[in-house]
Amino acid sequence: MDRTKIFQAVDHTLLAQTATWEEIRQICDDALACHTASVCIPPSYVKRAAEYLAGRMAVCTVIGFPNGYQTTAVKCFETKDALDNGADEIDMVINIGDLKDKNYAAIEDEIRKLKEICGEKILKVIIETCLLTDEEKIQMCQIVTASGADFIKTSTGFSKAGATFDDIALFAAHVGPGVRMKAAGGIRSFADAEKFMELGASRLGTSRIVKLAKAEQNS
């Protein structure tokens, strides 16, 4: 697969608690150089990054991150704040406890509310696959489809494991028309990235791909 196509699917990500503005600015520069889909950064840096990028690159941020157990009202406020600060894309974490309790209506209602706030801007729904059964993953494919969200996303990268090929294959078999898929966490090589895309993922949440490309250029 052409690496240009892979870069165009990458949400170049830095969500570490220790991230500094200088590091955020650097990943913005690297994303621009590689023509990635977006930079995915902490909410506290969205305004500065949006001003720095000045429309040259989409800014993605995370909501209810990483555990998802904030109230819906808090997630709505976070989303509005992020968009007001210049975010172009929102990656939200579901309330996993609600899923375990089979409180499906509450999950769908929350996603719908955030999508209403996002409007035409992209909303991705993180379900943290490593904590779920296959039955729960399939249920979330149905909920995300019904909610009107744009993407279902595997992982935060902050739990026990990240994306797997099996998870993306499962999503592909169960999401409805128009729902795209994002694999995130544990994408360690261009071969991994290519395989996820062959399985149907149209976004990849990773910092490794751009780092690998830079290392090759510097070697």
N, C-alpha and C. Protein backbone atom coordinates (compact mmCIF):
# COMPACT_ATOMS: atom_id res chain seq x y z
N MET A 1 0.84 -1.20 0.00
CA MET A 1 0.00 0.00 0.00
C MET A 1 0.88 1.25 0.00
N ASP A 2 0.49 2.24 -0.79
CA ASP A 2 1.20 3.50 -0.85
C ASP A 2 1.22 4.15 0.54
N ARG A 3 2.40 4.54 1.00
CA ARG A 3 2.48 5.15 2.33
C ARG A 3 1.71 6.46 2.41
N THR A 4 1.58 7.15 1.31
CA THR A 4 0.79 8.39 1.31
C THR A 4 -0.64 8.09 1.76
N LYS A 5 -1.19 6.98 1.30
CA LYS A 5 -2.55 6.59 1.68
C LYS A 5 -2.62 6.28 3.17
N ILE A 6 -1.59 5.64 3.70
CA ILE A 6 -1.56 5.34 5.13
C ILE A 6 -1.50 6.62 5.95
N PHE A 7 -0.59 7.54 5.58
CA PHE A 7 -0.49 8.80 6.31
C PHE A 7 -1.82 9.55 6.31
N GLN A 8 -2.53 9.50 5.20
CA GLN A 8 -3.81 10.21 5.09
C GLN A 8 -4.88 9.64 6.00
N ALA A 9 -4.65 8.43 6.54
CA ALA A 9 -5.59 7.81 7.48
C ALA A 9 -5.20 8.03 8.93
N VAL A 10 -4.02 8.58 9.18
CA VAL A 10 -3.48 8.66 10.54
C VAL A 10 -3.99 9.89 11.29
N ASP A 11 -4.51 9.66 12.49
CA ASP A 11 -4.69 10.72 13.47
C ASP A 11 -3.41 10.72 14.31
N HIS A 12 -2.48 11.62 13.99
CA HIS A 12 -1.17 11.64 14.67
C HIS A 12 -1.40 12.08 16.11
N THR A 13 -1.06 11.21 17.06
CA THR A 13 -1.60 11.31 18.41
C THR A 13 -0.53 11.55 19.47
N LEU A 14 -0.83 12.49 20.37
CA LEU A 14 -0.05 12.65 21.59
C LEU A 14 -1.01 13.01 22.71
N LEU A 15 -1.27 12.05 23.59
CA LEU A 15 -2.22 12.24 24.68
C LEU A 15 -1.59 11.96 26.05
N ALA A 16 -0.28 11.85 26.09
CA ALA A 16 0.41 11.58 27.36
C ALA A 16 0.14 12.71 28.35
N GLN A 17 0.02 12.33 29.63
CA GLN A 17 -0.22 13.32 30.68
C GLN A 17 0.91 14.33 30.77
N THR A 18 2.10 13.93 30.37
CA THR A 18 3.29 14.79 30.48
C THR A 18 3.52 15.66 29.25
N ALA A 19 2.63 15.61 28.27
CA ALA A 19 2.85 16.33 27.02
C ALA A 19 2.98 17.84 27.26
N THR A 20 4.02 18.42 26.68
CA THR A 20 4.25 19.86 26.76
C THR A 20 3.82 20.53 25.47
N TRP A 21 3.68 21.85 25.51
CA TRP A 21 3.31 22.57 24.30
C TRP A 21 4.36 22.37 23.21
N GLU A 22 5.62 22.35 23.56
CA GLU A 22 6.66 22.15 22.55
C GLU A 22 6.49 20.81 21.86
N GLU A 23 6.13 19.77 22.62
CA GLU A 23 5.90 18.46 22.02
C GLU A 23 4.65 18.45 21.15
N ILE A 24 3.61 19.14 21.59
CA ILE A 24 2.40 19.25 20.79
C ILE A 24 2.70 20.00 19.49
N ARG A 25 3.42 21.08 19.57
CA ARG A 25 3.77 21.84 18.36
C ARG A 25 4.58 20.97 17.40
N GLN A 26 5.46 20.14 17.95
CA GLN A 26 6.27 19.27 17.09
C GLN A 26 5.41 18.25 16.36
N ILE A 27 4.42 17.67 17.05
CA ILE A 27 3.60 16.70 16.32
C ILE A 27 2.71 17.40 15.29
N CYS A 28 2.36 18.64 15.55
CA CYS A 28 1.64 19.41 14.52
C CYS A 28 2.51 19.58 13.29
N ASP A 29 3.77 19.93 13.50
CA ASP A 29 4.70 20.10 12.38
C ASP A 29 4.90 18.78 11.63
N ASP A 30 5.05 17.69 12.39
CA ASP A 30 5.26 16.38 11.77
C ASP A 30 4.02 15.95 10.99
N ALA A 31 2.85 16.23 11.54
CA ALA A 31 1.60 15.89 10.84
C ALA A 31 1.49 16.66 9.53
N LEU A 32 1.84 17.92 9.57
CA LEU A 32 1.82 18.72 8.35
C LEU A 32 2.77 18.16 7.31
N ALA A 33 3.96 17.77 7.75
CA ALA A 33 4.97 17.26 6.83
C ALA A 33 4.53 15.95 6.18
N CYS A 34 3.80 15.14 6.94
CA CYS A 34 3.36 13.83 6.43
C CYS A 34 1.95 13.85 5.85
N HIS A 35 1.26 14.98 5.96
CA HIS A 35 -0.11 15.12 5.44
C HIS A 35 -1.05 14.08 6.06
N THR A 36 -1.03 14.01 7.39
CA THR A 36 -1.92 13.09 8.09
C THR A 36 -3.35 13.63 8.09
N ALA A 37 -4.27 12.78 8.56
CA ALA A 37 -5.68 13.20 8.62
C ALA A 37 -5.90 14.28 9.66
N SER A 38 -5.22 14.15 10.81
CA SER A 38 -5.40 15.11 11.89
C SER A 38 -4.26 14.96 12.90
N VAL A 39 -4.25 15.86 13.87
CA VAL A 39 -3.51 15.65 15.11
C VAL A 39 -4.54 15.41 16.20
N CYS A 40 -4.27 14.43 17.07
CA CYS A 40 -5.18 14.13 18.17
C CYS A 40 -4.46 14.47 19.47
N ILE A 41 -4.96 15.48 20.18
CA ILE A 41 -4.23 16.08 21.30
C ILE A 41 -5.15 16.33 22.49
N PRO A 42 -4.58 16.59 23.67
CA PRO A 42 -5.41 16.87 24.84
C PRO A 42 -6.24 18.15 24.67
N PRO A 43 -7.41 18.20 25.30
CA PRO A 43 -8.26 19.39 25.17
C PRO A 43 -7.58 20.69 25.58
N SER A 44 -6.69 20.62 26.55
CA SER A 44 -6.05 21.85 27.04
C SER A 44 -5.17 22.52 26.00
N TYR A 45 -4.79 21.78 24.96
CA TYR A 45 -3.93 22.34 23.92
C TYR A 45 -4.68 22.68 22.63
N VAL A 46 -5.97 22.43 22.59
CA VAL A 46 -6.71 22.60 21.34
C VAL A 46 -6.64 24.04 20.83
N LYS A 47 -6.88 25.00 21.70
CA LYS A 47 -6.93 26.39 21.26
C LYS A 47 -5.58 26.82 20.67
N ARG A 48 -4.49 26.52 21.37
CA ARG A 48 -3.16 26.91 20.87
C ARG A 48 -2.83 26.19 19.57
N ALA A 49 -3.17 24.91 19.51
CA ALA A 49 -2.88 24.15 18.30
C ALA A 49 -3.70 24.65 17.11
N ALA A 50 -4.97 24.94 17.35
CA ALA A 50 -5.82 25.45 16.27
C ALA A 50 -5.30 26.79 15.76
N GLU A 51 -4.86 27.64 16.67
CA GLU A 51 -4.29 28.93 16.25
C GLU A 51 -2.98 28.73 15.50
N TYR A 52 -2.16 27.81 15.98
CA TYR A 52 -0.87 27.54 15.34
C TYR A 52 -1.05 26.95 13.95
N LEU A 53 -1.98 26.01 13.83
CA LEU A 53 -2.18 25.35 12.54
C LEU A 53 -2.96 26.20 11.55
N ALA A 54 -3.81 27.07 12.05
CA ALA A 54 -4.54 28.05 11.22
C ALA A 54 -5.21 27.39 10.02
N GLY A 55 -5.89 26.26 10.27
CA GLY A 55 -6.64 25.61 9.21
C GLY A 55 -5.83 24.68 8.32
N ARG A 56 -4.55 24.56 8.57
CA ARG A 56 -3.71 23.70 7.72
C ARG A 56 -3.85 22.22 8.04
N MET A 57 -4.39 21.90 9.20
CA MET A 57 -4.51 20.51 9.65
C MET A 57 -5.69 20.41 10.61
N ALA A 58 -6.46 19.34 10.49
CA ALA A 58 -7.59 19.13 11.40
C ALA A 58 -7.08 18.85 12.82
N VAL A 59 -7.76 19.43 13.79
CA VAL A 59 -7.44 19.21 15.21
C VAL A 59 -8.51 18.32 15.81
N CYS A 60 -8.05 17.19 16.35
CA CYS A 60 -8.93 16.23 17.02
C CYS A 60 -8.61 16.25 18.51
N THR A 61 -9.63 16.08 19.34
CA THR A 61 -9.38 15.98 20.78
C THR A 61 -10.30 14.94 21.39
N VAL A 62 -10.08 14.66 22.67
CA VAL A 62 -10.77 13.56 23.35
C VAL A 62 -11.69 14.09 24.45
N ILE A 63 -12.80 13.37 24.62
CA ILE A 63 -13.85 13.76 25.57
C ILE A 63 -14.18 12.57 26.46
N GLY A 64 -14.33 12.84 27.78
CA GLY A 64 -14.60 11.76 28.72
C GLY A 64 -13.43 10.80 28.79
N PHE A 65 -12.26 11.32 28.62
CA PHE A 65 -11.05 10.50 28.44
C PHE A 65 -10.27 10.33 29.74
N PRO A 66 -9.72 9.15 30.01
CA PRO A 66 -9.81 7.92 29.21
C PRO A 66 -10.85 6.92 29.72
N ASN A 67 -11.53 7.21 30.83
CA ASN A 67 -12.37 6.19 31.46
C ASN A 67 -13.84 6.22 31.06
N GLY A 68 -14.32 7.36 30.59
CA GLY A 68 -15.67 7.42 30.06
C GLY A 68 -16.78 7.56 31.08
N TYR A 69 -16.43 7.65 32.38
CA TYR A 69 -17.50 7.62 33.39
C TYR A 69 -17.92 9.01 33.88
N GLN A 70 -17.52 10.06 33.18
CA GLN A 70 -18.08 11.37 33.47
C GLN A 70 -19.58 11.38 33.12
N THR A 71 -20.31 12.30 33.72
CA THR A 71 -21.73 12.39 33.37
C THR A 71 -21.88 12.93 31.96
N THR A 72 -23.06 12.68 31.39
CA THR A 72 -23.34 13.20 30.05
C THR A 72 -23.23 14.71 30.01
N ALA A 73 -23.69 15.38 31.07
CA ALA A 73 -23.61 16.84 31.11
C ALA A 73 -22.17 17.32 31.02
N VAL A 74 -21.27 16.63 31.71
CA VAL A 74 -19.85 17.00 31.66
C VAL A 74 -19.29 16.77 30.26
N LYS A 75 -19.63 15.64 29.65
CA LYS A 75 -19.14 15.36 28.30
C LYS A 75 -19.68 16.38 27.29
N CYS A 76 -20.92 16.78 27.48
CA CYS A 76 -21.48 17.81 26.59
C CYS A 76 -20.72 19.13 26.75
N PHE A 77 -20.44 19.51 27.98
CA PHE A 77 -19.68 20.74 28.22
C PHE A 77 -18.29 20.64 27.61
N GLU A 78 -17.64 19.52 27.82
CA GLU A 78 -16.30 19.32 27.26
C GLU A 78 -16.32 19.45 25.74
N THR A 79 -17.34 18.86 25.14
CA THR A 79 -17.45 18.90 23.67
C THR A 79 -17.65 20.32 23.17
N LYS A 80 -18.58 21.04 23.79
CA LYS A 80 -18.82 22.44 23.38
C LYS A 80 -17.56 23.27 23.55
N ASP A 81 -16.87 23.08 24.66
CA ASP A 81 -15.65 23.83 24.93
C ASP A 81 -14.59 23.53 23.88
N ALA A 82 -14.43 22.26 23.56
CA ALA A 82 -13.42 21.87 22.56
C ALA A 82 -13.73 22.47 21.20
N LEU A 83 -14.98 22.43 20.81
CA LEU A 83 -15.36 23.00 19.51
C LEU A 83 -15.18 24.52 19.51
N ASP A 84 -15.54 25.16 20.61
CA ASP A 84 -15.34 26.61 20.71
C ASP A 84 -13.87 26.98 20.61
N ASN A 85 -13.01 26.08 21.09
CA ASN A 85 -11.57 26.33 21.05
C ASN A 85 -10.94 25.99 19.70
N GLY A 86 -11.73 25.41 18.80
CA GLY A 86 -11.22 25.17 17.45
C GLY A 86 -11.09 23.72 17.05
N ALA A 87 -11.58 22.78 17.85
CA ALA A 87 -11.50 21.37 17.48
C ALA A 87 -12.35 21.10 16.24
N ASP A 88 -11.83 20.24 15.39
CA ASP A 88 -12.54 19.82 14.18
C ASP A 88 -13.16 18.44 14.34
N GLU A 89 -12.59 17.62 15.22
CA GLU A 89 -13.06 16.25 15.41
C GLU A 89 -13.04 15.93 16.90
N ILE A 90 -14.00 15.12 17.32
CA ILE A 90 -14.17 14.75 18.73
C ILE A 90 -14.14 13.22 18.85
N ASP A 91 -13.28 12.72 19.73
CA ASP A 91 -13.25 11.29 20.05
C ASP A 91 -13.73 11.12 21.49
N MET A 92 -14.92 10.58 21.68
CA MET A 92 -15.53 10.45 23.00
C MET A 92 -15.42 9.01 23.49
N VAL A 93 -15.36 8.85 24.82
CA VAL A 93 -15.35 7.53 25.43
C VAL A 93 -16.73 7.23 26.01
N ILE A 94 -17.24 6.05 25.71
CA ILE A 94 -18.55 5.67 26.25
C ILE A 94 -18.44 5.37 27.75
N ASN A 95 -19.59 5.32 28.40
CA ASN A 95 -19.67 4.85 29.78
C ASN A 95 -19.72 3.32 29.74
N ILE A 96 -18.59 2.69 30.02
CA ILE A 96 -18.49 1.24 29.90
C ILE A 96 -19.36 0.54 30.95
N GLY A 97 -19.52 1.15 32.11
CA GLY A 97 -20.41 0.59 33.12
C GLY A 97 -21.84 0.47 32.61
N ASP A 98 -22.30 1.48 31.87
CA ASP A 98 -23.64 1.40 31.29
C ASP A 98 -23.75 0.22 30.33
N LEU A 99 -22.70 -0.02 29.57
CA LEU A 99 -22.72 -1.15 28.65
C LEU A 99 -22.78 -2.47 29.41
N LYS A 100 -21.98 -2.59 30.45
CA LYS A 100 -22.00 -3.81 31.27
C LYS A 100 -23.37 -4.02 31.93
N ASP A 101 -24.03 -2.91 32.26
CA ASP A 101 -25.37 -2.98 32.86
C ASP A 101 -26.49 -3.15 31.83
N LYS A 102 -26.09 -3.19 30.56
CA LYS A 102 -27.05 -3.29 29.44
C LYS A 102 -27.97 -2.07 29.38
N ASN A 103 -27.46 -0.94 29.81
CA ASN A 103 -28.23 0.30 29.76
C ASN A 103 -27.98 0.97 28.41
N TYR A 104 -28.43 0.28 27.37
CA TYR A 104 -28.09 0.68 26.01
C TYR A 104 -28.71 2.02 25.62
N ALA A 105 -29.91 2.28 26.11
CA ALA A 105 -30.58 3.54 25.76
C ALA A 105 -29.78 4.74 26.25
N ALA A 106 -29.21 4.62 27.45
CA ALA A 106 -28.42 5.73 28.00
C ALA A 106 -27.18 6.00 27.15
N ILE A 107 -26.54 4.94 26.69
CA ILE A 107 -25.35 5.12 25.86
C ILE A 107 -25.72 5.78 24.54
N GLU A 108 -26.76 5.29 23.90
CA GLU A 108 -27.18 5.88 22.62
C GLU A 108 -27.59 7.33 22.80
N ASP A 109 -28.32 7.63 23.88
CA ASP A 109 -28.75 9.01 24.13
C ASP A 109 -27.55 9.93 24.31
N GLU A 110 -26.53 9.47 25.04
CA GLU A 110 -25.35 10.29 25.24
C GLU A 110 -24.63 10.56 23.92
N ILE A 111 -24.46 9.53 23.11
CA ILE A 111 -23.79 9.73 21.82
C ILE A 111 -24.59 10.68 20.95
N ARG A 112 -25.91 10.51 20.93
CA ARG A 112 -26.76 11.40 20.13
C ARG A 112 -26.59 12.87 20.57
N LYS A 113 -26.53 13.09 21.86
CA LYS A 113 -26.39 14.46 22.36
C LYS A 113 -25.06 15.07 21.94
N LEU A 114 -24.00 14.27 22.00
CA LEU A 114 -22.70 14.80 21.57
C LEU A 114 -22.66 15.03 20.06
N LYS A 115 -23.31 14.14 19.31
CA LYS A 115 -23.35 14.33 17.85
C LYS A 115 -24.14 15.58 17.49
N GLU A 116 -25.20 15.83 18.24
CA GLU A 116 -25.98 17.05 17.98
C GLU A 116 -25.11 18.29 18.20
N ILE A 117 -24.29 18.26 19.23
CA ILE A 117 -23.38 19.39 19.49
C ILE A 117 -22.33 19.49 18.38
N CYS A 118 -21.84 18.35 17.93
CA CYS A 118 -20.80 18.35 16.88
C CYS A 118 -21.34 18.81 15.54
N GLY A 119 -22.61 18.54 15.26
CA GLY A 119 -23.17 18.92 13.97
C GLY A 119 -22.44 18.23 12.83
N GLU A 120 -21.91 19.02 11.90
CA GLU A 120 -21.22 18.46 10.74
C GLU A 120 -19.81 18.00 11.08
N LYS A 121 -19.32 18.34 12.24
CA LYS A 121 -17.96 17.92 12.61
C LYS A 121 -17.97 16.45 13.05
N ILE A 122 -16.85 15.81 12.89
CA ILE A 122 -16.76 14.36 13.08
C ILE A 122 -16.79 13.97 14.56
N LEU A 123 -17.61 12.96 14.86
CA LEU A 123 -17.65 12.36 16.20
C LEU A 123 -17.26 10.89 16.09
N LYS A 124 -16.23 10.51 16.86
CA LYS A 124 -15.79 9.13 16.93
C LYS A 124 -16.11 8.60 18.33
N VAL A 125 -16.56 7.36 18.40
CA VAL A 125 -17.00 6.76 19.66
C VAL A 125 -16.03 5.67 20.07
N ILE A 126 -15.32 5.90 21.17
CA ILE A 126 -14.34 4.94 21.68
C ILE A 126 -15.04 3.96 22.61
N ILE A 127 -14.91 2.66 22.32
CA ILE A 127 -15.64 1.67 23.13
C ILE A 127 -14.72 0.83 24.02
N GLU A 128 -13.42 0.98 23.89
CA GLU A 128 -12.41 0.25 24.71
C GLU A 128 -12.61 -1.26 24.60
N THR A 129 -12.31 -1.77 23.42
CA THR A 129 -12.59 -3.16 23.08
C THR A 129 -11.93 -4.17 24.03
N CYS A 130 -10.76 -3.84 24.57
CA CYS A 130 -10.06 -4.81 25.42
C CYS A 130 -10.82 -5.13 26.71
N LEU A 131 -11.82 -4.31 27.04
CA LEU A 131 -12.62 -4.54 28.25
C LEU A 131 -13.97 -5.20 27.96
N LEU A 132 -14.21 -5.51 26.68
CA LEU A 132 -15.54 -5.96 26.27
C LEU A 132 -15.54 -7.38 25.73
N THR A 133 -16.70 -8.03 25.84
CA THR A 133 -16.92 -9.30 25.15
C THR A 133 -17.27 -9.02 23.69
N ASP A 134 -17.21 -10.05 22.87
CA ASP A 134 -17.62 -9.87 21.47
C ASP A 134 -19.08 -9.45 21.39
N GLU A 135 -19.91 -10.01 22.26
CA GLU A 135 -21.33 -9.63 22.28
C GLU A 135 -21.49 -8.13 22.56
N GLU A 136 -20.71 -7.61 23.49
CA GLU A 136 -20.77 -6.18 23.82
C GLU A 136 -20.23 -5.33 22.67
N LYS A 137 -19.21 -5.80 21.99
CA LYS A 137 -18.69 -5.07 20.84
C LYS A 137 -19.73 -4.99 19.73
N ILE A 138 -20.42 -6.10 19.49
CA ILE A 138 -21.47 -6.11 18.47
C ILE A 138 -22.61 -5.18 18.87
N GLN A 139 -22.98 -5.20 20.15
CA GLN A 139 -24.01 -4.29 20.64
C GLN A 139 -23.62 -2.84 20.39
N MET A 140 -22.34 -2.52 20.62
CA MET A 140 -21.89 -1.15 20.40
C MET A 140 -21.87 -0.80 18.91
N CYS A 141 -21.60 -1.74 18.05
CA CYS A 141 -21.72 -1.47 16.61
C CYS A 141 -23.15 -1.04 16.28
N GLN A 142 -24.11 -1.70 16.87
CA GLN A 142 -25.51 -1.37 16.63
C GLN A 142 -25.87 -0.01 17.21
N ILE A 143 -25.38 0.26 18.42
CA ILE A 143 -25.69 1.54 19.08
C ILE A 143 -25.06 2.71 18.31
N VAL A 144 -23.80 2.56 17.94
CA VAL A 144 -23.14 3.64 17.21
C VAL A 144 -23.83 3.89 15.87
N THR A 145 -24.23 2.82 15.21
CA THR A 145 -24.96 2.97 13.95
C THR A 145 -26.26 3.75 14.15
N ALA A 146 -27.00 3.38 15.19
CA ALA A 146 -28.29 4.04 15.45
C ALA A 146 -28.13 5.49 15.90
N SER A 147 -27.00 5.80 16.52
CA SER A 147 -26.81 7.12 17.14
C SER A 147 -26.52 8.24 16.15
N GLY A 148 -26.04 7.87 14.96
CA GLY A 148 -25.66 8.89 13.99
C GLY A 148 -24.23 9.35 14.08
N ALA A 149 -23.43 8.73 14.97
CA ALA A 149 -22.01 9.08 15.06
C ALA A 149 -21.29 8.66 13.78
N ASP A 150 -20.13 9.25 13.57
CA ASP A 150 -19.40 9.04 12.32
C ASP A 150 -18.49 7.82 12.34
N PHE A 151 -17.90 7.53 13.50
CA PHE A 151 -16.93 6.46 13.63
C PHE A 151 -17.18 5.64 14.89
N ILE A 152 -16.81 4.37 14.83
CA ILE A 152 -16.60 3.56 16.02
C ILE A 152 -15.09 3.35 16.13
N LYS A 153 -14.57 3.52 17.33
CA LYS A 153 -13.12 3.48 17.56
C LYS A 153 -12.81 2.44 18.62
N THR A 154 -11.74 1.70 18.41
CA THR A 154 -11.44 0.57 19.29
C THR A 154 -11.07 0.97 20.70
N SER A 155 -10.14 1.94 20.86
CA SER A 155 -9.41 2.01 22.11
C SER A 155 -8.94 3.42 22.45
N THR A 156 -8.68 3.63 23.74
CA THR A 156 -8.05 4.89 24.18
C THR A 156 -6.53 4.82 24.09
N GLY A 157 -5.99 3.61 24.18
CA GLY A 157 -4.54 3.45 24.33
C GLY A 157 -4.08 3.54 25.77
N PHE A 158 -5.03 3.72 26.68
CA PHE A 158 -4.71 3.87 28.11
C PHE A 158 -5.16 2.67 28.95
N SER A 159 -5.72 1.64 28.32
CA SER A 159 -6.21 0.49 29.06
C SER A 159 -5.28 -0.71 28.83
N LYS A 160 -5.80 -1.91 28.95
CA LYS A 160 -4.97 -3.12 28.94
C LYS A 160 -4.38 -3.45 27.59
N ALA A 161 -5.04 -3.02 26.53
CA ALA A 161 -4.57 -3.33 25.18
C ALA A 161 -5.21 -2.37 24.20
N GLY A 162 -4.67 -2.37 22.98
CA GLY A 162 -5.20 -1.50 21.95
C GLY A 162 -5.97 -2.29 20.89
N ALA A 163 -5.92 -1.78 19.68
CA ALA A 163 -6.68 -2.37 18.58
C ALA A 163 -6.13 -3.74 18.21
N THR A 164 -7.03 -4.61 17.76
CA THR A 164 -6.64 -5.89 17.19
C THR A 164 -7.28 -6.04 15.82
N PHE A 165 -6.67 -6.87 14.98
CA PHE A 165 -7.24 -7.12 13.67
C PHE A 165 -8.62 -7.75 13.80
N ASP A 166 -8.78 -8.64 14.78
CA ASP A 166 -10.07 -9.30 14.98
C ASP A 166 -11.17 -8.29 15.31
N ASP A 167 -10.83 -7.26 16.09
CA ASP A 167 -11.85 -6.26 16.44
C ASP A 167 -12.33 -5.49 15.22
N ILE A 168 -11.40 -5.10 14.37
CA ILE A 168 -11.80 -4.36 13.17
C ILE A 168 -12.60 -5.25 12.23
N ALA A 169 -12.22 -6.50 12.11
CA ALA A 169 -12.99 -7.43 11.30
C ALA A 169 -14.40 -7.60 11.86
N LEU A 170 -14.52 -7.66 13.19
CA LEU A 170 -15.83 -7.78 13.83
C LEU A 170 -16.66 -6.52 13.58
N PHE A 171 -16.05 -5.35 13.74
CA PHE A 171 -16.76 -4.10 13.44
C PHE A 171 -17.29 -4.12 12.00
N ALA A 172 -16.41 -4.49 11.08
CA ALA A 172 -16.77 -4.45 9.66
C ALA A 172 -17.99 -5.31 9.36
N ALA A 173 -18.14 -6.38 10.11
CA ALA A 173 -19.27 -7.29 9.90
C ALA A 173 -20.56 -6.79 10.52
N HIS A 174 -20.48 -5.80 11.42
CA HIS A 174 -21.67 -5.44 12.21
C HIS A 174 -22.05 -3.96 12.20
N VAL A 175 -21.19 -3.06 11.77
CA VAL A 175 -21.61 -1.66 11.71
C VAL A 175 -22.52 -1.44 10.51
N GLY A 176 -23.36 -0.43 10.63
CA GLY A 176 -24.26 -0.12 9.54
C GLY A 176 -23.62 0.76 8.49
N PRO A 177 -24.34 0.99 7.40
CA PRO A 177 -23.82 1.83 6.31
C PRO A 177 -23.47 3.22 6.83
N GLY A 178 -22.34 3.73 6.38
CA GLY A 178 -21.95 5.09 6.74
C GLY A 178 -21.13 5.20 8.00
N VAL A 179 -21.04 4.14 8.81
CA VAL A 179 -20.22 4.19 10.02
C VAL A 179 -18.81 3.74 9.66
N ARG A 180 -17.86 4.63 9.91
CA ARG A 180 -16.46 4.30 9.63
C ARG A 180 -15.79 3.76 10.89
N MET A 181 -14.59 3.21 10.71
CA MET A 181 -13.91 2.52 11.80
C MET A 181 -12.52 3.11 12.02
N LYS A 182 -12.17 3.28 13.30
CA LYS A 182 -10.84 3.76 13.67
C LYS A 182 -10.18 2.74 14.58
N ALA A 183 -9.00 2.29 14.18
CA ALA A 183 -8.17 1.43 15.01
C ALA A 183 -7.17 2.30 15.75
N ALA A 184 -7.05 2.09 17.06
CA ALA A 184 -6.15 2.94 17.85
C ALA A 184 -5.48 2.11 18.93
N GLY A 185 -4.22 2.41 19.16
CA GLY A 185 -3.47 1.74 20.21
C GLY A 185 -2.77 0.50 19.69
N GLY A 186 -1.44 0.47 19.83
CA GLY A 186 -0.69 -0.73 19.48
C GLY A 186 -0.38 -0.91 18.02
N ILE A 187 -0.56 0.13 17.20
CA ILE A 187 -0.20 0.05 15.78
C ILE A 187 1.29 0.35 15.69
N ARG A 188 2.09 -0.68 15.46
CA ARG A 188 3.54 -0.58 15.65
C ARG A 188 4.35 -0.50 14.36
N SER A 189 3.71 -0.67 13.21
CA SER A 189 4.47 -0.73 11.97
C SER A 189 3.59 -0.34 10.79
N PHE A 190 4.24 -0.06 9.66
CA PHE A 190 3.48 0.19 8.44
C PHE A 190 2.68 -1.05 8.04
N ALA A 191 3.24 -2.24 8.31
CA ALA A 191 2.51 -3.48 8.00
C ALA A 191 1.23 -3.58 8.82
N ASP A 192 1.31 -3.23 10.11
CA ASP A 192 0.10 -3.20 10.95
C ASP A 192 -0.93 -2.23 10.37
N ALA A 193 -0.47 -1.04 10.04
CA ALA A 193 -1.36 -0.01 9.52
C ALA A 193 -2.05 -0.49 8.24
N GLU A 194 -1.26 -1.09 7.36
CA GLU A 194 -1.83 -1.58 6.10
C GLU A 194 -2.87 -2.66 6.34
N LYS A 195 -2.58 -3.57 7.28
CA LYS A 195 -3.53 -4.64 7.57
C LYS A 195 -4.84 -4.09 8.13
N PHE A 196 -4.76 -3.14 9.05
CA PHE A 196 -5.98 -2.54 9.60
C PHE A 196 -6.80 -1.88 8.49
N MET A 197 -6.12 -1.21 7.58
CA MET A 197 -6.84 -0.55 6.49
C MET A 197 -7.45 -1.55 5.52
N GLU A 198 -6.74 -2.64 5.27
CA GLU A 198 -7.29 -3.68 4.40
C GLU A 198 -8.55 -4.30 5.01
N LEU A 199 -8.59 -4.34 6.34
CA LEU A 199 -9.77 -4.88 7.03
C LEU A 199 -10.93 -3.89 7.07
N GLY A 200 -10.66 -2.63 6.71
CA GLY A 200 -11.74 -1.66 6.61
C GLY A 200 -11.59 -0.41 7.44
N ALA A 201 -10.55 -0.32 8.28
CA ALA A 201 -10.36 0.90 9.07
C ALA A 201 -9.97 2.05 8.15
N SER A 202 -10.62 3.18 8.34
CA SER A 202 -10.27 4.36 7.53
C SER A 202 -9.54 5.42 8.33
N ARG A 203 -9.40 5.19 9.65
CA ARG A 203 -8.56 6.04 10.49
C ARG A 203 -7.71 5.14 11.39
N LEU A 204 -6.52 5.66 11.72
CA LEU A 204 -5.57 4.97 12.58
C LEU A 204 -5.08 5.94 13.64
N GLY A 205 -5.34 5.62 14.90
CA GLY A 205 -4.85 6.46 15.99
C GLY A 205 -3.49 5.96 16.44
N THR A 206 -2.45 6.72 16.12
CA THR A 206 -1.10 6.25 16.39
C THR A 206 -0.11 7.41 16.35
N SER A 207 0.95 7.28 17.11
CA SER A 207 2.09 8.20 16.98
C SER A 207 3.25 7.50 16.29
N ARG A 208 3.21 6.17 16.25
CA ARG A 208 4.35 5.38 15.81
C ARG A 208 4.64 5.53 14.31
N ILE A 209 3.60 5.64 13.48
CA ILE A 209 3.80 5.64 12.04
C ILE A 209 4.64 6.83 11.59
N VAL A 210 4.29 8.01 12.08
CA VAL A 210 5.06 9.20 11.71
C VAL A 210 6.47 9.12 12.28
N LYS A 211 6.60 8.61 13.51
CA LYS A 211 7.93 8.45 14.11
C LYS A 211 8.79 7.50 13.29
N LEU A 212 8.21 6.43 12.79
CA LEU A 212 8.96 5.49 11.96
C LEU A 212 9.44 6.16 10.67
N ALA A 213 8.57 6.94 10.08
CA ALA A 213 8.94 7.64 8.85
C ALA A 213 10.08 8.63 9.10
N LYS A 214 10.01 9.35 10.22
CA LYS A 214 11.07 10.29 10.55
C LYS A 214 12.40 9.57 10.81
N ALA A 215 12.32 8.43 11.50
CA ALA A 215 13.53 7.67 11.80
C ALA A 215 14.20 7.18 10.51
N GLU A 216 13.39 6.76 9.55
CA GLU A 216 13.92 6.31 8.28
C GLU A 216 14.63 7.46 7.54
N GLN A 217 14.03 8.62 7.60
CA GLN A 217 14.60 9.78 6.91
C GLN A 217 15.93 10.18 7.55
N ASN A 218 16.03 9.98 8.87
CA ASN A 218 17.22 10.41 9.59
C ASN A 218 18.34 9.36 9.63
N SER A 219 18.02 8.17 9.16
CA SER A 219 19.00 7.08 9.24
C SER A 219 19.98 7.12 8.07
